[in-house]
C-alpha atoms as a PDB file:
ATOM      1  CA  MET A   1      14.334 131.498 -38.002  1.00  0.00           C
ATOM      2  CA  VAL A   2      14.780 133.862 -34.918  1.00  0.00           C
ATOM      3  CA  THR A   3      13.500 130.693 -33.152  1.00  0.00           C
ATOM      4  CA  LEU A   4      16.966 128.666 -34.740  1.00  0.00           C
ATOM      5  CA  GLY A   5      18.808 131.906 -34.373  1.00  0.00           C
ATOM      6  CA  LEU A   6      18.075 131.380 -30.474  1.00  0.00           C
ATOM      7  CA  LEU A   7      18.959 127.840 -30.383  1.00  0.00           C
ATOM      8  CA  ILE A   8      22.291 127.767 -32.365  1.00  0.00           C
ATOM      9  CA  PRO A   9      25.470 129.159 -30.486  1.00  0.00           C
ATOM     10  CA  PRO A  10      26.417 132.082 -29.809  1.00  0.00           C
ATOM     11  CA  SER A  11      23.045 133.068 -28.102  1.00  0.00           C
ATOM     12  CA  ILE A  12      22.369 135.804 -25.619  1.00  0.00           C
ATOM     13  CA  MET A  13      19.126 133.524 -24.851  1.00  0.00           C
ATOM     14  CA  MET A  14      21.551 131.043 -23.572  1.00  0.00           C
ATOM     15  CA  ILE A  15      23.998 133.290 -22.039  1.00  0.00           C
ATOM     16  CA  VAL A  16      21.301 134.963 -19.903  1.00  0.00           C
ATOM     17  CA  TYR A  17      19.542 131.610 -18.635  1.00  0.00           C
ATOM     18  CA  GLY A  18      23.568 130.280 -17.915  1.00  0.00           C
ATOM     19  CA  ILE A  19      23.690 133.273 -15.679  1.00  0.00           C
ATOM     20  CA  SER A  20      20.316 133.113 -13.802  1.00  0.00           C
ATOM     21  CA  ALA A  21      20.339 129.460 -13.553  1.00  0.00           C
ATOM     22  CA  GLN A  22      24.104 129.304 -12.407  1.00  0.00           C
ATOM     23  CA  GLN A  23      24.668 126.794 -15.592  1.00  0.00           C
ATOM     24  CA  SER A  24      27.965 126.259 -17.759  1.00  0.00           C
ATOM     25  CA  ILE A  25      27.350 128.709 -20.913  1.00  0.00           C
ATOM     26  CA  SER A  26      29.416 126.460 -22.826  1.00  0.00           C
ATOM     27  CA  ARG A  27      27.949 123.253 -22.484  1.00  0.00           C
ATOM     28  CA  LEU A  28      24.390 125.180 -23.294  1.00  0.00           C
ATOM     29  CA  PHE A  29      25.947 126.498 -26.336  1.00  0.00           C
ATOM     30  CA  ILE A  30      26.428 122.362 -27.057  1.00  0.00           C
ATOM     31  CA  ALA A  31      23.385 121.290 -26.017  1.00  0.00           C
ATOM     32  CA  GLY A  32      21.124 123.603 -28.001  1.00  0.00           C
ATOM     33  CA  ILE A  33      22.762 121.958 -31.569  1.00  0.00           C
ATOM     34  CA  VAL A  34      20.356 119.052 -32.152  1.00  0.00           C
ATOM     35  CA  PRO A  35      17.346 120.624 -31.270  1.00  0.00           C
ATOM     36  CA  GLY A  36      18.188 123.321 -33.749  1.00  0.00           C
ATOM     37  CA  LEU A  37      18.587 120.630 -36.059  1.00  0.00           C
ATOM     38  CA  LEU A  38      15.441 118.746 -35.132  1.00  0.00           C
ATOM     39  CA  ILE A  39      13.671 122.311 -35.705  1.00  0.00           C
ATOM     40  CA  MET A  40      15.246 123.113 -39.046  1.00  0.00           C
ATOM     41  CA  GLY A  41      14.519 119.509 -40.387  1.00  0.00           C
ATOM     42  CA  LEU A  42      10.561 120.556 -39.651  1.00  0.00           C
ATOM     43  CA  PHE A  43      10.639 123.811 -41.108  1.00  0.00           C
ATOM     44  CA  MET A  44      11.810 122.493 -43.720  1.00  0.00           C
ATOM     45  CA  GLY A  45       9.892 119.497 -44.222  1.00  0.00           C
ATOM     46  CA  TYR A  46       6.651 121.609 -43.888  1.00  0.00           C
ATOM     47  CA  VAL A  47       8.140 124.186 -46.150  1.00  0.00           C
ATOM     48  CA  MET A  48       8.862 121.080 -48.924  1.00  0.00           C
ATOM     49  CA  ILE A  49       5.271 119.790 -48.336  1.00  0.00           C
ATOM     50  CA  TRP A  50       3.381 123.142 -48.832  1.00  0.00           C
ATOM     51  CA  SER A  51       5.463 124.028 -51.439  1.00  0.00           C
ATOM     52  CA  LEU A  52       4.423 120.908 -53.306  1.00  0.00           C
ATOM     53  CA  LEU A  53       0.623 121.210 -52.156  1.00  0.00           C
ATOM     54  CA  ASN A  54       1.024 125.155 -53.423  1.00  0.00           C
ATOM     55  CA  ARG A  55       2.739 125.167 -56.730  1.00  0.00           C
ATOM     56  CA  ASP A  56       1.593 128.166 -58.152  1.00  0.00           C
ATOM     57  CA  ALA A  57       2.338 130.225 -54.958  1.00  0.00           C
ATOM     58  CA  VAL A  58       6.320 128.933 -55.076  1.00  0.00           C
ATOM     59  CA  PRO A  59       8.290 131.195 -57.501  1.00  0.00           C
ATOM     60  CA  GLU A  60       9.688 130.164 -60.690  1.00  0.00           C
ATOM     61  CA  ALA A  61      12.962 128.242 -60.031  1.00  0.00           C
ATOM     62  CA  GLY A  62      16.314 130.181 -60.884  1.00  0.00           C
ATOM     63  CA  PRO A  63      18.710 129.111 -63.633  1.00  0.00           C
ATOM     64  CA  ARG A  64      21.105 125.661 -63.200  1.00  0.00           C
ATOM     65  CA  LEU A  65      24.093 126.695 -61.376  1.00  0.00           C
ATOM     66  CA  SER A  66      27.869 125.405 -61.550  1.00  0.00           C
ATOM     67  CA  PHE A  67      29.591 124.068 -58.449  1.00  0.00           C
ATOM     68  CA  SER A  68      32.151 126.726 -59.028  1.00  0.00           C
ATOM     69  CA  GLU A  69      29.302 129.195 -59.262  1.00  0.00           C
ATOM     70  CA  LYS A  70      27.114 128.227 -56.397  1.00  0.00           C
ATOM     71  CA  LEU A  71      30.536 128.436 -54.526  1.00  0.00           C
ATOM     72  CA  HIS A  72      31.078 131.864 -55.667  1.00  0.00           C
ATOM     73  CA  ARG A  73      27.430 133.482 -54.665  1.00  0.00           C
ATOM     74  CA  SER A  74      27.907 131.884 -51.235  1.00  0.00           C
ATOM     75  CA  ARG A  75      31.076 133.663 -50.481  1.00  0.00           C
ATOM     76  CA  ARG A  76      29.622 135.962 -48.144  1.00  0.00           C
ATOM     77  CA  LEU A  77      28.011 132.646 -46.544  1.00  0.00           C
ATOM     78  CA  ILE A  78      31.074 130.535 -46.121  1.00  0.00           C
ATOM     79  CA  PRO A  79      32.542 132.755 -43.868  1.00  0.00           C
ATOM     80  CA  ILE A  80      29.665 132.510 -41.389  1.00  0.00           C
ATOM     81  CA  ILE A  81      29.567 129.057 -41.772  1.00  0.00           C
ATOM     82  CA  LEU A  82      33.028 128.650 -40.636  1.00  0.00           C
ATOM     83  CA  LEU A  83      33.253 131.377 -38.274  1.00  0.00           C
ATOM     84  CA  ILE A  84      30.136 129.151 -35.901  1.00  0.00           C
ATOM     85  CA  ALA A  85      32.174 126.236 -36.813  1.00  0.00           C
ATOM     86  CA  THR A  86      35.250 127.853 -35.543  1.00  0.00           C
ATOM     87  CA  VAL A  87      33.691 128.399 -32.105  1.00  0.00           C
ATOM     88  CA  ILE A  88      31.687 125.446 -31.848  1.00  0.00           C
ATOM     89  CA  GLY A  89      35.125 123.822 -32.564  1.00  0.00           C
ATOM     90  CA  SER A  90      37.246 125.616 -30.175  1.00  0.00           C
ATOM     91  CA  ILE A  91      34.950 125.529 -27.028  1.00  0.00           C
ATOM     92  CA  TYR A  92      34.152 121.764 -27.524  1.00  0.00           C
ATOM     93  CA  GLY A  93      37.695 121.488 -27.876  1.00  0.00           C
ATOM     94  CA  GLY A  94      38.595 122.968 -25.028  1.00  0.00           C
ATOM     95  CA  PHE A  95      41.253 125.936 -26.654  1.00  0.00           C
ATOM     96  CA  ALA A  96      38.544 128.649 -25.714  1.00  0.00           C
ATOM     97  CA  THR A  97      36.112 129.748 -23.831  1.00  0.00           C
ATOM     98  CA  PRO A  98      32.839 131.622 -25.278  1.00  0.00           C
ATOM     99  CA  THR A  99      34.032 134.899 -24.963  1.00  0.00           C
ATOM    100  CA  GLU A 100      37.270 134.280 -26.546  1.00  0.00           C
ATOM    101  CA  ALA A 101      36.101 132.150 -29.182  1.00  0.00           C
ATOM    102  CA  ALA A 102      33.368 134.411 -30.446  1.00  0.00           C
ATOM    103  CA  THR A 103      35.802 137.774 -29.833  1.00  0.00           C
ATOM    104  CA  LEU A 104      38.423 136.062 -32.016  1.00  0.00           C
ATOM    105  CA  GLY A 105      35.848 134.782 -34.287  1.00  0.00           C
ATOM    106  CA  ALA A 106      34.161 138.140 -34.908  1.00  0.00           C
ATOM    107  CA  LEU A 107      38.027 139.333 -35.572  1.00  0.00           C
ATOM    108  CA  GLY A 108      38.831 136.845 -38.155  1.00  0.00           C
ATOM    109  CA  LEU A 109      35.856 137.429 -39.799  1.00  0.00           C
ATOM    110  CA  SER A 110      35.741 141.006 -40.339  1.00  0.00           C
ATOM    111  CA  TRP A 111      39.542 140.418 -41.677  1.00  0.00           C
ATOM    112  CA  ILE A 112      38.757 137.649 -43.696  1.00  0.00           C
ATOM    113  CA  THR A 113      35.532 140.190 -45.145  1.00  0.00           C
ATOM    114  CA  GLY A 114      37.923 142.848 -45.370  1.00  0.00           C
ATOM    115  CA  THR A 115      35.968 145.312 -43.228  1.00  0.00           C
ATOM    116  CA  LEU A 116      38.052 145.209 -39.813  1.00  0.00           C
ATOM    117  CA  SER A 117      39.177 148.923 -39.495  1.00  0.00           C
ATOM    118  CA  TRP A 118      39.401 151.429 -36.251  1.00  0.00           C
ATOM    119  CA  GLN A 119      36.181 152.391 -36.982  1.00  0.00           C
ATOM    120  CA  SER A 120      34.102 149.376 -37.196  1.00  0.00           C
ATOM    121  CA  LEU A 121      35.976 147.977 -34.233  1.00  0.00           C
ATOM    122  CA  ILE A 122      35.385 150.947 -32.174  1.00  0.00           C
ATOM    123  CA  GLY A 123      31.869 150.777 -33.241  1.00  0.00           C
ATOM    124  CA  SER A 124      31.362 146.950 -32.611  1.00  0.00           C
ATOM    125  CA  LEU A 125      32.683 147.875 -28.787  1.00  0.00           C
ATOM    126  CA  MET A 126      30.368 150.649 -28.481  1.00  0.00           C
ATOM    127  CA  ALA A 127      27.568 147.873 -29.953  1.00  0.00           C
ATOM    128  CA  ALA A 128      29.014 145.404 -27.402  1.00  0.00           C
ATOM    129  CA  THR A 129      28.938 147.352 -24.732  1.00  0.00           C
ATOM    130  CA  ARG A 130      25.239 148.602 -25.484  1.00  0.00           C
ATOM    131  CA  THR A 131      24.221 145.085 -25.382  1.00  0.00           C
ATOM    132  CA  SER A 132      26.189 143.895 -22.389  1.00  0.00           C
ATOM    133  CA  CYS A 133      24.643 147.008 -20.443  1.00  0.00           C
ATOM    134  CA  MET A 134      21.264 145.942 -21.534  1.00  0.00           C
ATOM    135  CA  ILE A 135      21.591 142.599 -20.507  1.00  0.00           C
ATOM    136  CA  THR A 136      23.109 143.567 -17.045  1.00  0.00           C
ATOM    137  CA  ALA A 137      20.429 145.781 -16.251  1.00  0.00           C
ATOM    138  CA  ILE A 138      18.111 142.991 -17.051  1.00  0.00           C
ATOM    139  CA  ILE A 139      19.688 140.361 -15.193  1.00  0.00           C
ATOM    140  CA  LEU A 140      20.397 143.246 -12.041  1.00  0.00           C
ATOM    141  CA  GLY A 141      16.748 144.004 -12.170  1.00  0.00           C
ATOM    142  CA  ALA A 142      15.895 139.878 -11.895  1.00  0.00           C
ATOM    143  CA  ALA A 143      18.626 139.580  -9.272  1.00  0.00           C
ATOM    144  CA  PHE A 144      16.674 141.821  -6.754  1.00  0.00           C
ATOM    145  CA  LEU A 145      13.386 140.096  -8.111  1.00  0.00           C
ATOM    146  CA  SER A 146      14.891 136.966  -6.906  1.00  0.00           C
ATOM    147  CA  VAL A 147      16.156 137.821  -3.673  1.00  0.00           C
ATOM    148  CA  GLY A 148      12.902 139.933  -2.708  1.00  0.00           C
ATOM    149  CA  MET A 149      11.084 137.081  -3.534  1.00  0.00           C
ATOM    150  CA  ALA A 150      13.332 134.518  -1.611  1.00  0.00           C
ATOM    151  CA  PHE A 151      12.794 136.739   1.298  1.00  0.00           C
ATOM    152  CA  LEU A 152       9.363 136.589   0.760  1.00  0.00           C
ATOM    153  CA  GLY A 153       9.797 132.542   0.797  1.00  0.00           C
ATOM    154  CA  ILE A 154       7.381 132.953  -2.970  1.00  0.00           C
ATOM    155  CA  PRO A 155       9.291 130.354  -4.647  1.00  0.00           C
ATOM    156  CA  THR A 156       9.427 128.076  -1.413  1.00  0.00           C
ATOM    157  CA  ALA A 157       5.063 128.570  -1.674  1.00  0.00           C
ATOM    158  CA  LEU A 158       4.995 127.948  -5.240  1.00  0.00           C
ATOM    159  CA  ALA A 159       6.858 124.869  -4.777  1.00  0.00           C
ATOM    160  CA  ALA A 160       4.986 123.595  -2.269  1.00  0.00           C
ATOM    161  CA  TRP A 161       1.810 124.072  -4.049  1.00  0.00           C
ATOM    162  CA  VAL A 162       2.688 122.746  -7.176  1.00  0.00           C
ATOM    163  CA  ALA A 163       3.715 119.527  -4.837  1.00  0.00           C
ATOM    164  CA  GLU A 164       0.380 119.629  -3.519  1.00  0.00           C
ATOM    165  CA  LEU A 165      -1.240 119.533  -6.616  1.00  0.00           C
ATOM    166  CA  GLY A 166       0.264 115.800  -7.591  1.00  0.00           C
ATOM    167  CA  LEU A 167       1.522 116.959 -10.943  1.00  0.00           C
ATOM    168  CA  SER A 168       3.366 114.856 -12.755  1.00  0.00           C
ATOM    169  CA  PRO A 169       6.772 115.831 -14.441  1.00  0.00           C
ATOM    170  CA  ALA A 170       4.617 115.878 -17.819  1.00  0.00           C
ATOM    171  CA  MET A 171       1.813 118.008 -17.340  1.00  0.00           C
ATOM    172  CA  LEU A 172       4.576 120.299 -15.102  1.00  0.00           C
ATOM    173  CA  LEU A 173       5.831 121.073 -18.248  1.00  0.00           C
ATOM    174  CA  VAL A 174       2.171 121.460 -19.868  1.00  0.00           C
ATOM    175  CA  LEU A 175       1.364 124.082 -17.161  1.00  0.00           C
ATOM    176  CA  LEU A 176       4.906 125.838 -17.303  1.00  0.00           C
ATOM    177  CA  THR A 177       4.212 125.834 -21.231  1.00  0.00           C
ATOM    178  CA  LEU A 178       1.282 127.332 -20.635  1.00  0.00           C
ATOM    179  CA  ILE A 179       2.684 130.095 -18.202  1.00  0.00           C
ATOM    180  CA  TYR A 180       5.338 130.880 -20.344  1.00  0.00           C
ATOM    181  CA  LEU A 181       2.615 131.325 -23.687  1.00  0.00           C
ATOM    182  CA  VAL A 182       0.913 133.898 -21.005  1.00  0.00           C
ATOM    183  CA  LEU A 183       4.059 135.630 -20.578  1.00  0.00           C
ATOM    184  CA  GLY A 184       5.076 135.934 -23.673  1.00  0.00           C
ATOM    185  CA  CYS A 185       1.807 138.314 -24.518  1.00  0.00           C
ATOM    186  CA  PHE A 186       3.428 140.927 -22.448  1.00  0.00           C
ATOM    187  CA  LEU A 187       7.208 140.457 -21.649  1.00  0.00           C
ATOM    188  CA  GLU A 188      10.070 140.307 -24.109  1.00  0.00           C
ATOM    189  CA  GLY A 189      12.069 136.741 -24.197  1.00  0.00           C
ATOM    190  CA  ALA A 190      15.397 138.018 -21.871  1.00  0.00           C
ATOM    191  CA  SER A 191      13.295 139.441 -19.576  1.00  0.00           C
ATOM    192  CA  MET A 192      11.293 136.593 -19.310  1.00  0.00           C
ATOM    193  CA  ILE A 193      13.907 134.037 -18.211  1.00  0.00           C
ATOM    194  CA  ALA A 194      15.725 136.294 -16.252  1.00  0.00           C
ATOM    195  CA  LEU A 195      12.748 137.094 -14.246  1.00  0.00           C
ATOM    196  CA  THR A 196      11.335 133.246 -14.282  1.00  0.00           C
ATOM    197  CA  THR A 197      14.284 131.203 -13.892  1.00  0.00           C
ATOM    198  CA  SER A 198      14.829 131.354 -10.008  1.00  0.00           C
ATOM    199  CA  VAL A 199      10.923 130.406  -8.961  1.00  0.00           C
ATOM    200  CA  ALA A 200      10.679 127.418 -12.349  1.00  0.00           C
ATOM    201  CA  LEU A 201      14.412 125.915 -11.695  1.00  0.00           C
ATOM    202  CA  PRO A 202      13.618 124.549  -8.465  1.00  0.00           C
ATOM    203  CA  MET A 203      10.500 123.090  -9.432  1.00  0.00           C
ATOM    204  CA  VAL A 204      11.774 121.225 -12.424  1.00  0.00           C
ATOM    205  CA  VAL A 205      14.867 120.047 -10.718  1.00  0.00           C
ATOM    206  CA  GLN A 206      13.049 118.738  -7.935  1.00  0.00           C
ATOM    207  CA  ALA A 207      10.788 117.058 -10.806  1.00  0.00           C
ATOM    208  CA  GLY A 208      13.853 115.292 -12.020  1.00  0.00           C
ATOM    209  CA  PHE A 209      15.043 117.473 -15.017  1.00  0.00           C
ATOM    210  CA  ASP A 210      18.314 118.246 -16.028  1.00  0.00           C
ATOM    211  CA  PRO A 211      19.039 122.151 -15.546  1.00  0.00           C
ATOM    212  CA  ILE A 212      20.856 122.013 -18.980  1.00  0.00           C
ATOM    213  CA  TRP A 213      17.837 120.368 -20.590  1.00  0.00           C
ATOM    214  CA  PHE A 214      15.165 122.694 -18.961  1.00  0.00           C
ATOM    215  CA  GLY A 215      17.286 125.889 -20.594  1.00  0.00           C
ATOM    216  CA  ILE A 216      16.695 124.254 -23.935  1.00  0.00           C
ATOM    217  CA  TYR A 217      13.431 123.859 -23.532  1.00  0.00           C
ATOM    218  CA  LEU A 218      12.571 127.047 -21.999  1.00  0.00           C
ATOM    219  CA  ILE A 219      14.420 128.956 -25.193  1.00  0.00           C
ATOM    220  CA  ILE A 220      12.324 127.046 -27.173  1.00  0.00           C
ATOM    221  CA  VAL A 221       9.075 127.888 -25.315  1.00  0.00           C
ATOM    222  CA  VAL A 222       9.942 131.540 -24.557  1.00  0.00           C
ATOM    223  CA  GLU A 223      10.314 131.631 -28.542  1.00  0.00           C
ATOM    224  CA  MET A 224       6.888 130.320 -29.155  1.00  0.00           C
ATOM    225  CA  ALA A 225       5.695 132.619 -26.592  1.00  0.00           C
ATOM    226  CA  GLN A 226       6.837 135.708 -29.137  1.00  0.00           C
ATOM    227  CA  LEU A 227       4.764 134.534 -31.381  1.00  0.00           C
ATOM    228  CA  PRO A 228       1.416 135.598 -29.796  1.00  0.00           C
ATOM    229  CA  PRO A 229      -0.132 139.255 -30.088  1.00  0.00           C
ATOM    230  CA  PRO A 230      -0.228 141.712 -28.215  1.00  0.00           C
ATOM    231  CA  VAL A 231       3.394 142.002 -27.960  1.00  0.00           C
ATOM    232  CA  GLY A 232       4.375 139.538 -30.481  1.00  0.00           C
ATOM    233  CA  PHE A 233       8.165 140.705 -30.737  1.00  0.00           C
ATOM    234  CA  ASN A 234       8.713 137.972 -34.006  1.00  0.00           C
ATOM    235  CA  LEU A 235       5.682 139.133 -35.531  1.00  0.00           C
ATOM    236  CA  PHE A 236       6.788 142.582 -35.629  1.00  0.00           C
ATOM    237  CA  VAL A 237      10.073 141.450 -37.054  1.00  0.00           C
ATOM    238  CA  LEU A 238       8.581 139.452 -39.967  1.00  0.00           C
ATOM    239  CA  HIS A 239       6.329 142.473 -40.449  1.00  0.00           C
ATOM    240  CA  SER A 240       9.222 144.642 -41.034  1.00  0.00           C
ATOM    241  CA  MET A 241      10.899 142.518 -43.381  1.00  0.00           C
ATOM    242  CA  SER A 242       8.120 141.164 -45.536  1.00  0.00           C
ATOM    243  CA  GLY A 243       6.060 144.419 -45.993  1.00  0.00           C
ATOM    244  CA  ARG A 244       2.933 142.494 -45.453  1.00  0.00           C
ATOM    245  CA  ASP A 245       0.452 143.364 -43.118  1.00  0.00           C
ATOM    246  CA  MET A 246       0.288 141.786 -39.393  1.00  0.00           C
ATOM    247  CA  TRP A 247      -2.600 139.264 -40.394  1.00  0.00           C
ATOM    248  CA  THR A 248      -1.074 137.728 -43.084  1.00  0.00           C
ATOM    249  CA  VAL A 249       1.933 137.970 -40.899  1.00  0.00           C
ATOM    250  CA  THR A 250       0.279 136.109 -37.654  1.00  0.00           C
ATOM    251  CA  LYS A 251      -1.679 133.818 -40.213  1.00  0.00           C
ATOM    252  CA  ALA A 252       1.524 132.511 -42.066  1.00  0.00           C
ATOM    253  CA  SER A 253       3.670 131.820 -39.086  1.00  0.00           C
ATOM    254  CA  MET A 254       1.073 129.972 -37.183  1.00  0.00           C
ATOM    255  CA  PRO A 255       2.332 126.423 -38.651  1.00  0.00           C
ATOM    256  CA  PHE A 256       5.501 127.135 -37.688  1.00  0.00           C
ATOM    257  CA  PHE A 257       3.794 127.535 -33.901  1.00  0.00           C
ATOM    258  CA  GLY A 258       2.550 124.235 -34.244  1.00  0.00           C
ATOM    259  CA  LEU A 259       5.895 123.226 -35.490  1.00  0.00           C
ATOM    260  CA  LEU A 260       7.705 124.387 -32.335  1.00  0.00           C
ATOM    261  CA  ILE A 261       5.062 122.559 -30.324  1.00  0.00           C
ATOM    262  CA  LEU A 262       5.654 119.255 -32.258  1.00  0.00           C
ATOM    263  CA  GLY A 263       9.712 120.316 -31.199  1.00  0.00           C
ATOM    264  CA  VAL A 264       9.140 120.829 -27.300  1.00  0.00           C
ATOM    265  CA  VAL A 265       7.254 117.464 -27.254  1.00  0.00           C
ATOM    266  CA  LEU A 266       9.492 115.930 -29.047  1.00  0.00           C
ATOM    267  CA  LEU A 267      12.300 117.013 -26.763  1.00  0.00           C
ATOM    268  CA  ALA A 268      10.591 116.255 -23.580  1.00  0.00           C
ATOM    269  CA  ALA A 269      10.246 112.621 -24.944  1.00  0.00           C
ATOM    270  CA  ILE A 270      13.155 112.373 -26.277  1.00  0.00           C
ATOM    271  CA  PRO A 271      15.611 114.336 -23.328  1.00  0.00           C
ATOM    272  CA  GLY A 272      18.985 112.881 -24.907  1.00  0.00           C
ATOM    273  CA  MET A 273      18.738 115.386 -27.745  1.00  0.00           C
ATOM    274  CA  ALA A 274      20.041 117.884 -25.959  1.00  0.00           C
ATOM    275  CA  THR A 275      22.121 116.495 -23.110  1.00  0.00           C
ATOM    276  CA  PHE A 276      24.096 113.571 -25.314  1.00  0.00           C
ATOM    277  CA  LEU A 277      26.197 116.198 -26.257  1.00  0.00           C
ATOM    278  CA  PRO A 278      27.212 118.199 -22.570  1.00  0.00           C
ATOM    279  CA  GLU A 279      27.604 114.959 -21.480  1.00  0.00           C
ATOM    280  CA  LEU A 280      30.037 114.118 -24.035  1.00  0.00           C
ATOM    281  CA  MET A 281      31.836 117.401 -23.317  1.00  0.00           C
ATOM    282  CA  LEU A 282      31.716 116.283 -19.682  1.00  0.00           C
ATOM    283  CA  SER A 283      33.508 112.917 -20.523  1.00  0.00           C
ATOM    284  CA  ARG A 284      36.068 114.613 -22.620  1.00  0.00           C
END
C-alpha cells in the first residue's frame, strides 16, 4: 500500500523527481494513475488467489450489510476519494496547479469533516513547512552533488561507459534496477531519486525512453528497493502496524516484491500505460 500511495497522486516522490529532472509534476501525477491501478489489480488478484488456497487463515466474513449501511460506514473514506478525484480533475481540467489543487482539497476535506480550525490550520502549516524543508534540504544537497559530478565529468564518463558496454535498452533497465535495489539497502527513497536522477536520466533519454515514463518506472523500482533489508523502510512500517516480528513481515512481503517486478516488466513492455494520459493531457 505504501507503493500505491506513491504512485497515486498526490505523491511527494513525484514532486522530488519532477524537480530533479525538471519535468512537469502535473504530467507525472497523471502518468502514475494507470500503473498504480495495474499494481493495485496485481495485489488484489494475489490476495484473492491466496485466500482461496488458504481458507483456514482467512478471517470469517462479516455480516451482510445493506447499501445504505455500507455508505454510512464509508463516510470517512468517501471524502478521501472525492479529494483525489477533485485534485486530479482540477489539474487535468486546467483549473489549478498541483499546489493549488492540493491546498484547496485539503481545506475542503477539513471543512467537510469538521476538523478545520485555527489550531489544525497552524499545525498543518507547521507540518507542511517541516516536510518542505526536509525535501528542500535533500534536493539542495543533491544539486550540490550534481554540480560537483558535472564539473568532474562523472555523468559523461558513466554515459560513455554504458555506451561502450553496448547494452540494449532492456539490459540498461535491468542494470539500473539492480543498482537501485542495492542502493535501497542503504538509502531512503527520496534521497535515492534526488541523488541519482542527474546521472541516470541522460542515459535513459539517450536510450530512447521518455522522461515521464522513466519517472514512473523509477518510483516503482525505488519502492521495491525499500523492501530488502537492512534498511527495509517499508518493512519497518508494516512491522509497526502489524506487531509481527520482522522475519514474518519480510516473508509475507516477498510475493508482493515479485508482483512489483512483474509490474515493472509490464510497464517496460507497454510504456503507453504511463505516457498515454500525459500525451492526452498535452493534446488538450
